[in-house]
N, C-alpha and C. Protein backbone atom coordinates (compact mmCIF):
# COMPACT_ATOMS: atom_id res chain seq x y z
N MET A 1 -47.71 -24.80 -43.30
CA MET A 1 -47.35 -24.34 -41.84
C MET A 1 -46.26 -22.94 -43.03
N ALA A 2 -45.71 -23.30 -43.82
CA ALA A 2 -44.74 -22.61 -44.22
C ALA A 2 -45.40 -21.04 -44.49
N TYR A 3 -46.82 -21.26 -44.95
CA TYR A 3 -47.20 -20.39 -45.80
C TYR A 3 -47.49 -19.01 -44.90
N HIS A 4 -47.61 -20.01 -43.72
CA HIS A 4 -48.47 -18.88 -42.70
C HIS A 4 -47.32 -18.03 -41.94
N VAL A 5 -46.72 -18.84 -41.77
CA VAL A 5 -45.48 -18.59 -40.92
C VAL A 5 -44.54 -17.32 -41.72
N ASP A 6 -44.49 -17.05 -43.11
CA ASP A 6 -44.55 -16.46 -44.13
C ASP A 6 -45.37 -15.22 -43.94
N GLN A 7 -46.28 -15.59 -44.15
CA GLN A 7 -47.87 -14.48 -43.63
C GLN A 7 -47.19 -13.65 -42.54
N LEU A 8 -46.81 -14.24 -41.24
CA LEU A 8 -46.79 -13.72 -40.14
C LEU A 8 -45.64 -12.56 -40.12
N VAL A 9 -44.27 -13.18 -40.80
CA VAL A 9 -43.37 -12.64 -40.82
C VAL A 9 -43.38 -11.04 -42.10
N GLY A 10 -44.00 -11.74 -43.21
CA GLY A 10 -44.43 -10.24 -43.78
C GLY A 10 -45.42 -9.30 -43.05
N VAL A 11 -46.26 -9.75 -42.37
CA VAL A 11 -47.08 -8.54 -41.69
C VAL A 11 -45.82 -7.77 -40.10
N GLY A 12 -44.90 -8.38 -39.89
CA GLY A 12 -43.95 -7.94 -38.88
C GLY A 12 -44.08 -8.62 -37.58
N PHE A 13 -45.20 -9.65 -37.55
CA PHE A 13 -45.60 -10.59 -36.22
C PHE A 13 -44.19 -11.41 -35.92
N LEU A 14 -43.49 -11.72 -36.82
CA LEU A 14 -42.42 -12.66 -36.48
C LEU A 14 -41.37 -12.33 -37.38
N LYS A 15 -39.93 -12.68 -36.94
CA LYS A 15 -38.55 -12.28 -37.54
C LYS A 15 -37.71 -13.47 -37.22
N VAL A 16 -36.60 -13.69 -38.03
CA VAL A 16 -35.99 -14.78 -38.00
C VAL A 16 -35.05 -14.32 -36.99
N VAL A 17 -35.18 -15.30 -35.88
CA VAL A 17 -34.17 -14.58 -34.52
C VAL A 17 -32.83 -15.86 -35.28
N ARG A 18 -32.70 -17.02 -35.63
CA ARG A 18 -31.19 -17.51 -36.24
C ARG A 18 -31.35 -18.58 -36.99
N THR A 19 -30.47 -18.90 -37.46
CA THR A 19 -30.56 -19.76 -38.68
C THR A 19 -28.83 -21.08 -38.38
N ARG A 20 -29.49 -22.13 -39.12
CA ARG A 20 -28.33 -22.88 -38.92
C ARG A 20 -28.50 -23.75 -40.12
N LYS A 21 -27.43 -24.42 -40.58
CA LYS A 21 -27.42 -25.42 -42.04
C LYS A 21 -27.48 -26.64 -41.13
N VAL A 22 -28.68 -27.24 -41.70
CA VAL A 22 -29.13 -28.89 -41.30
C VAL A 22 -29.26 -29.29 -42.66
N ARG A 23 -27.88 -30.40 -43.13
CA ARG A 23 -27.80 -31.15 -44.20
C ARG A 23 -27.67 -29.98 -45.25
N ALA A 24 -28.37 -30.32 -46.26
CA ALA A 24 -27.98 -29.14 -47.01
C ALA A 24 -29.50 -28.00 -47.33
N ILE A 25 -29.97 -28.19 -46.30
CA ILE A 25 -31.27 -26.96 -45.90
C ILE A 25 -30.87 -25.85 -44.59
N ASP A 26 -31.21 -24.48 -45.16
CA ASP A 26 -31.04 -23.79 -44.33
C ASP A 26 -32.54 -23.50 -43.34
N GLU A 27 -32.00 -23.67 -41.96
CA GLU A 27 -33.16 -24.03 -41.07
C GLU A 27 -33.29 -22.37 -40.21
N ARG A 28 -34.38 -22.22 -40.24
CA ARG A 28 -34.66 -20.74 -39.58
C ARG A 28 -35.58 -20.70 -38.41
N LEU A 29 -35.50 -20.35 -37.40
CA LEU A 29 -35.88 -20.26 -35.99
C LEU A 29 -36.47 -18.70 -35.58
N TYR A 30 -37.85 -18.70 -35.82
CA TYR A 30 -38.33 -17.55 -35.73
C TYR A 30 -38.37 -16.90 -34.06
N GLY A 31 -38.87 -15.73 -34.03
CA GLY A 31 -39.04 -15.60 -32.60
C GLY A 31 -40.35 -13.88 -33.15
N ARG A 32 -41.13 -13.72 -31.77
CA ARG A 32 -42.18 -12.66 -32.31
C ARG A 32 -41.56 -11.86 -31.86
N VAL A 33 -42.13 -10.51 -32.60
CA VAL A 33 -41.58 -9.10 -32.22
C VAL A 33 -41.88 -8.29 -31.12
N ALA A 34 -43.49 -8.14 -31.49
CA ALA A 34 -43.97 -7.67 -30.06
C ALA A 34 -43.84 -8.39 -28.63
N ARG A 35 -43.42 -7.20 -27.90
CA ARG A 35 -43.56 -7.97 -26.49
C ARG A 35 -44.76 -7.67 -25.60
N THR A 36 -45.57 -6.57 -26.12
CA THR A 36 -47.14 -5.96 -25.91
C THR A 36 -48.00 -6.20 -27.22
N ILE A 37 -49.32 -6.47 -26.98
CA ILE A 37 -50.15 -6.80 -27.70
C ILE A 37 -51.20 -5.77 -27.23
N VAL A 38 -51.81 -4.88 -28.46
CA VAL A 38 -52.69 -3.69 -28.26
C VAL A 38 -53.82 -3.66 -28.97
N LEU A 39 -55.11 -3.90 -28.86
CA LEU A 39 -56.21 -4.22 -29.80
C LEU A 39 -56.96 -3.03 -29.37
N SER A 40 -57.52 -2.17 -30.18
CA SER A 40 -58.47 -1.00 -30.23
C SER A 40 -59.66 -2.13 -30.06
N ASP A 41 -60.41 -1.13 -29.24
CA ASP A 41 -61.85 -1.38 -28.52
C ASP A 41 -62.64 -2.27 -29.42
N GLY A 42 -62.86 -2.23 -31.15
CA GLY A 42 -63.14 -2.74 -32.08
C GLY A 42 -63.11 -4.21 -32.61
N GLU A 43 -61.72 -4.14 -31.93
CA GLU A 43 -61.10 -5.55 -32.25
C GLU A 43 -60.69 -6.76 -31.29
N MET A 44 -61.60 -6.09 -29.81
CA MET A 44 -61.53 -7.24 -29.00
C MET A 44 -62.73 -7.48 -28.53
N PRO A 45 -63.00 -9.18 -28.78
CA PRO A 45 -64.42 -9.63 -28.23
C PRO A 45 -64.64 -8.94 -26.73
N THR A 46 -66.28 -9.08 -26.33
CA THR A 46 -66.66 -8.74 -24.97
C THR A 46 -65.39 -9.56 -23.93
N GLY A 47 -64.80 -8.86 -23.60
CA GLY A 47 -64.07 -9.46 -22.57
C GLY A 47 -63.22 -10.65 -22.67
N THR A 48 -63.85 -11.27 -23.69
CA THR A 48 -62.92 -13.09 -23.64
C THR A 48 -60.91 -13.10 -23.79
N LEU A 49 -60.79 -12.16 -24.78
CA LEU A 49 -59.68 -11.85 -24.56
C LEU A 49 -58.64 -11.31 -23.25
N MET A 50 -59.26 -10.65 -22.78
CA MET A 50 -58.55 -9.97 -21.68
C MET A 50 -58.85 -10.83 -20.53
N ARG A 51 -59.92 -11.78 -20.59
CA ARG A 51 -60.16 -12.69 -19.69
C ARG A 51 -58.82 -14.26 -19.78
N SER A 52 -58.73 -14.11 -21.38
CA SER A 52 -57.68 -15.26 -21.50
C SER A 52 -56.45 -14.52 -20.98
N PHE A 53 -55.74 -13.59 -21.29
CA PHE A 53 -54.46 -13.35 -20.58
C PHE A 53 -54.70 -13.27 -19.17
N LEU A 54 -55.57 -13.21 -18.07
CA LEU A 54 -55.97 -13.02 -16.94
C LEU A 54 -55.10 -14.88 -16.45
N ALA A 55 -56.08 -15.43 -17.43
CA ALA A 55 -56.60 -16.79 -17.15
C ALA A 55 -54.99 -17.79 -17.19
N LYS A 56 -54.27 -17.48 -18.38
CA LYS A 56 -53.08 -17.60 -18.80
C LYS A 56 -51.89 -17.16 -17.30
N ALA A 57 -52.05 -16.30 -17.13
CA ALA A 57 -51.05 -15.87 -15.79
C ALA A 57 -51.59 -16.47 -14.56
N GLN A 58 -52.88 -17.01 -14.25
CA GLN A 58 -53.09 -17.74 -13.71
C GLN A 58 -52.56 -19.29 -13.40
N ARG A 59 -52.72 -19.65 -14.72
CA ARG A 59 -52.33 -21.11 -15.15
C ARG A 59 -50.79 -21.17 -14.66
N GLU A 60 -49.95 -20.40 -14.91
CA GLU A 60 -48.79 -20.51 -15.27
C GLU A 60 -48.18 -19.73 -13.81
N ALA A 61 -48.86 -18.94 -13.07
CA ALA A 61 -48.28 -19.20 -11.65
C ALA A 61 -48.00 -20.19 -10.79
N VAL A 62 -46.67 -20.15 -10.41
CA VAL A 62 -46.40 -20.86 -9.05
C VAL A 62 -46.05 -20.24 -7.94
N GLU A 63 -46.18 -21.18 -6.98
CA GLU A 63 -46.02 -20.47 -5.78
C GLU A 63 -44.85 -21.13 -4.81
N THR A 64 -43.63 -20.90 -4.71
CA THR A 64 -42.56 -21.54 -3.97
C THR A 64 -42.64 -21.21 -2.45
N ASP A 65 -42.07 -21.45 -1.70
CA ASP A 65 -41.72 -21.18 -0.11
C ASP A 65 -41.17 -19.73 0.10
N ASP A 66 -40.21 -19.69 -0.77
CA ASP A 66 -39.26 -18.40 -0.85
C ASP A 66 -39.90 -17.16 -1.97
N ASP A 67 -40.90 -17.69 -2.46
CA ASP A 67 -41.30 -16.51 -3.77
C ASP A 67 -42.70 -16.84 -3.88
N LYS A 68 -43.18 -16.12 -3.54
CA LYS A 68 -44.50 -15.58 -3.38
C LYS A 68 -44.98 -14.61 -4.65
N MET A 69 -46.12 -15.01 -5.31
CA MET A 69 -46.54 -13.95 -6.26
C MET A 69 -46.89 -12.70 -5.39
N ARG A 70 -46.61 -11.20 -5.97
CA ARG A 70 -47.20 -10.18 -5.93
C ARG A 70 -48.19 -9.62 -6.51
N SER A 71 -49.63 -9.27 -5.99
CA SER A 71 -50.38 -8.74 -6.90
C SER A 71 -51.44 -7.94 -6.27
N THR A 72 -52.48 -7.19 -6.82
CA THR A 72 -53.07 -6.04 -6.10
C THR A 72 -53.76 -5.55 -7.77
N ILE A 73 -55.07 -5.25 -7.03
CA ILE A 73 -56.78 -4.58 -7.77
C ILE A 73 -56.90 -3.36 -6.93
N ARG A 74 -57.07 -2.45 -8.18
CA ARG A 74 -57.65 -1.20 -7.60
C ARG A 74 -58.52 -0.32 -8.45
N HIS A 75 -59.50 0.27 -7.96
CA HIS A 75 -60.63 0.94 -9.10
C HIS A 75 -60.40 2.18 -8.71
N ALA A 76 -60.81 3.18 -10.04
CA ALA A 76 -60.60 4.39 -10.01
C ALA A 76 -61.53 4.86 -10.89
N ARG A 77 -62.53 5.95 -10.10
CA ARG A 77 -63.43 6.11 -11.71
C ARG A 77 -62.68 7.58 -11.99
N ILE A 78 -62.21 6.95 -13.30
CA ILE A 78 -61.01 8.18 -14.08
C ILE A 78 -62.07 8.81 -15.27
N PRO A 79 -61.32 9.98 -16.08
CA PRO A 79 -62.10 10.09 -17.11
C PRO A 79 -61.16 9.34 -18.40
N LYS A 80 -61.76 8.83 -19.39
CA LYS A 80 -60.99 8.22 -20.38
C LYS A 80 -59.50 8.59 -20.62
N GLU A 81 -59.32 9.78 -20.71
CA GLU A 81 -57.97 10.53 -21.08
C GLU A 81 -56.84 9.93 -20.02
N ARG A 82 -57.21 10.23 -18.80
CA ARG A 82 -56.55 9.80 -17.57
C ARG A 82 -56.09 8.26 -18.17
N ARG A 83 -57.22 7.51 -18.09
CA ARG A 83 -56.98 6.01 -18.50
C ARG A 83 -55.85 5.61 -19.59
N GLU A 84 -56.05 6.36 -20.72
CA GLU A 84 -54.53 6.14 -22.16
C GLU A 84 -53.43 6.96 -21.07
N GLU A 85 -53.62 7.58 -20.18
CA GLU A 85 -52.03 8.11 -20.01
C GLU A 85 -51.72 7.60 -18.87
N PHE A 86 -52.48 6.70 -17.93
CA PHE A 86 -52.33 5.73 -16.95
C PHE A 86 -51.60 4.65 -17.94
N TRP A 87 -52.29 4.16 -18.98
CA TRP A 87 -51.63 2.75 -19.34
C TRP A 87 -50.57 3.18 -20.37
N GLN A 88 -49.72 4.28 -20.67
CA GLN A 88 -48.78 4.65 -21.00
C GLN A 88 -48.14 4.43 -20.42
N ARG A 89 -47.71 4.60 -19.15
CA ARG A 89 -47.06 4.63 -17.91
C ARG A 89 -46.82 2.93 -17.84
N VAL A 90 -47.89 1.99 -17.43
CA VAL A 90 -47.98 1.27 -17.39
C VAL A 90 -47.37 -0.13 -19.01
N THR A 91 -47.48 0.82 -19.85
CA THR A 91 -46.84 0.39 -20.95
C THR A 91 -45.11 0.26 -20.42
N ASP A 92 -44.62 1.79 -20.26
CA ASP A 92 -43.42 2.04 -20.03
C ASP A 92 -43.05 1.11 -19.12
N LEU A 93 -43.46 0.62 -18.13
CA LEU A 93 -42.94 -0.25 -17.14
C LEU A 93 -42.96 -1.53 -17.49
N ALA A 94 -43.80 -2.24 -18.48
CA ALA A 94 -43.80 -3.75 -18.74
C ALA A 94 -42.34 -3.32 -19.56
N ASP A 95 -42.59 -2.48 -20.39
CA ASP A 95 -41.24 -2.21 -21.32
C ASP A 95 -39.79 -2.76 -20.24
N ASP A 96 -40.10 -1.64 -19.27
CA ASP A 96 -39.05 -1.77 -18.18
C ASP A 96 -38.51 -3.31 -18.04
N PHE A 97 -39.42 -3.82 -17.64
CA PHE A 97 -39.51 -5.43 -16.87
C PHE A 97 -38.53 -5.93 -18.11
N VAL A 98 -39.29 -6.21 -18.97
CA VAL A 98 -38.35 -7.30 -20.11
C VAL A 98 -36.92 -6.79 -20.55
N THR A 99 -36.68 -5.82 -19.93
CA THR A 99 -35.27 -5.47 -20.36
C THR A 99 -34.39 -5.67 -19.17
N LEU A 100 -34.74 -5.97 -17.87
CA LEU A 100 -34.15 -6.18 -16.72
C LEU A 100 -33.30 -7.19 -17.64
N PRO A 101 -31.66 -7.49 -16.62
CA PRO A 101 -30.67 -8.44 -16.65
C PRO A 101 -31.24 -9.71 -16.77
N ARG A 102 -31.10 -10.86 -17.66
CA ARG A 102 -31.75 -11.92 -17.74
C ARG A 102 -30.68 -13.07 -16.59
N ASP A 103 -29.91 -12.49 -15.63
CA ASP A 103 -29.41 -13.32 -14.68
C ASP A 103 -30.04 -14.48 -13.58
N GLY A 104 -31.44 -14.63 -13.66
CA GLY A 104 -31.82 -14.69 -12.86
C GLY A 104 -32.05 -16.50 -12.84
N ASP A 105 -32.07 -17.05 -12.11
CA ASP A 105 -32.97 -18.47 -12.12
C ASP A 105 -34.49 -18.71 -12.80
N THR A 106 -35.19 -17.62 -12.09
CA THR A 106 -37.06 -17.85 -12.24
C THR A 106 -37.55 -16.95 -13.41
N VAL A 107 -38.14 -17.67 -14.04
CA VAL A 107 -38.80 -16.33 -14.84
C VAL A 107 -40.13 -15.88 -14.60
N TYR A 108 -40.05 -14.50 -14.56
CA TYR A 108 -41.40 -14.01 -13.81
C TYR A 108 -42.43 -13.63 -14.52
N GLY A 109 -43.31 -13.58 -14.56
CA GLY A 109 -44.33 -13.14 -15.42
C GLY A 109 -44.88 -11.89 -14.88
N PHE A 110 -45.34 -10.56 -16.08
CA PHE A 110 -45.86 -9.61 -15.47
C PHE A 110 -47.15 -9.31 -16.30
N VAL A 111 -48.38 -9.14 -15.56
CA VAL A 111 -49.48 -9.15 -16.26
C VAL A 111 -49.86 -7.46 -15.83
N ALA A 112 -50.91 -6.63 -16.63
CA ALA A 112 -51.19 -5.59 -16.42
C ALA A 112 -52.86 -5.37 -17.49
N ALA A 113 -54.12 -4.79 -16.55
CA ALA A 113 -54.88 -4.73 -17.22
C ALA A 113 -55.67 -3.37 -17.04
N VAL A 114 -56.45 -2.86 -17.61
CA VAL A 114 -56.54 -1.36 -17.26
C VAL A 114 -58.51 -1.99 -17.96
N TYR A 115 -59.73 -1.81 -17.12
CA TYR A 115 -60.86 -2.32 -17.47
C TYR A 115 -61.83 -1.91 -17.67
N PRO A 116 -62.95 -1.53 -18.35
CA PRO A 116 -64.21 -1.05 -16.95
C PRO A 116 -64.85 -2.30 -16.37
N THR A 117 -65.37 -1.95 -15.55
CA THR A 117 -66.16 -2.63 -14.15
C THR A 117 -67.42 -2.36 -14.30
N ASP A 118 -68.18 -2.99 -13.77
CA ASP A 118 -69.68 -2.91 -13.54
C ASP A 118 -69.67 -2.33 -11.92
N HIS A 119 -68.93 -2.03 -11.39
CA HIS A 119 -69.27 -1.31 -10.10
C HIS A 119 -70.23 0.41 -10.43
N PRO A 120 -70.67 0.56 -9.56
CA PRO A 120 -71.82 1.08 -9.45
C PRO A 120 -70.79 2.85 -9.70
N THR A 121 -71.63 3.61 -10.07
CA THR A 121 -70.82 5.16 -10.05
C THR A 121 -71.02 5.70 -8.97
N LEU A 122 -70.65 6.80 -8.44
CA LEU A 122 -71.12 7.55 -7.33
C LEU A 122 -71.87 8.52 -7.77
N PRO A 123 -72.97 8.87 -6.83
CA PRO A 123 -73.84 10.24 -7.19
C PRO A 123 -73.27 11.60 -7.31
N GLU A 124 -73.51 12.41 -8.52
CA GLU A 124 -73.23 13.64 -8.36
C GLU A 124 -72.89 14.61 -7.13
N THR A 125 -72.37 14.92 -6.65
CA THR A 125 -72.14 15.89 -5.70
C THR A 125 -73.43 17.28 -5.51
N LYS A 126 -73.61 17.77 -4.75
CA LYS A 126 -74.48 18.78 -4.77
C LYS A 126 -73.72 19.85 -5.39
N GLU A 127 -72.43 20.16 -5.51
CA GLU A 127 -71.51 21.37 -6.54
C GLU A 127 -71.77 21.31 -7.40
N ALA A 128 -71.90 19.46 -7.87
CA ALA A 128 -71.53 19.59 -9.43
C ALA A 128 -72.49 19.70 -10.15
N SER A 129 -73.49 19.19 -9.61
CA SER A 129 -75.01 19.29 -10.23
C SER A 129 -75.67 20.86 -9.79
N SER A 130 -74.82 21.52 -9.33
CA SER A 130 -75.71 22.90 -9.06
C SER A 130 -75.03 23.78 -10.48
């Protein structure tokens, strides 16, 4: 286990967040470095990783009488360049989310995804095909 933890520290995925003396040994507590994980298209298995993120969000979501989940889904036919611009804005929003003051009693989750769908595309208009 120590070998693998050292490997994760070496590549920058984990860092020591606290140490304490336990008898004669220094105990190290580790935390993750990244709040967001971005995988290139070549690294992501066909949709399985994204589905696992969404399934995790679904499993951990709880509903109370006074605190309901807020969610939305939208579809848009946009070029890849605009997708990247939009995703940067979503990433910035996620970064803002995790830096909010931590003074509440409830831990909230935030999940976002931009993904290709199997929705049919619209036919070209007469002006575009001329």
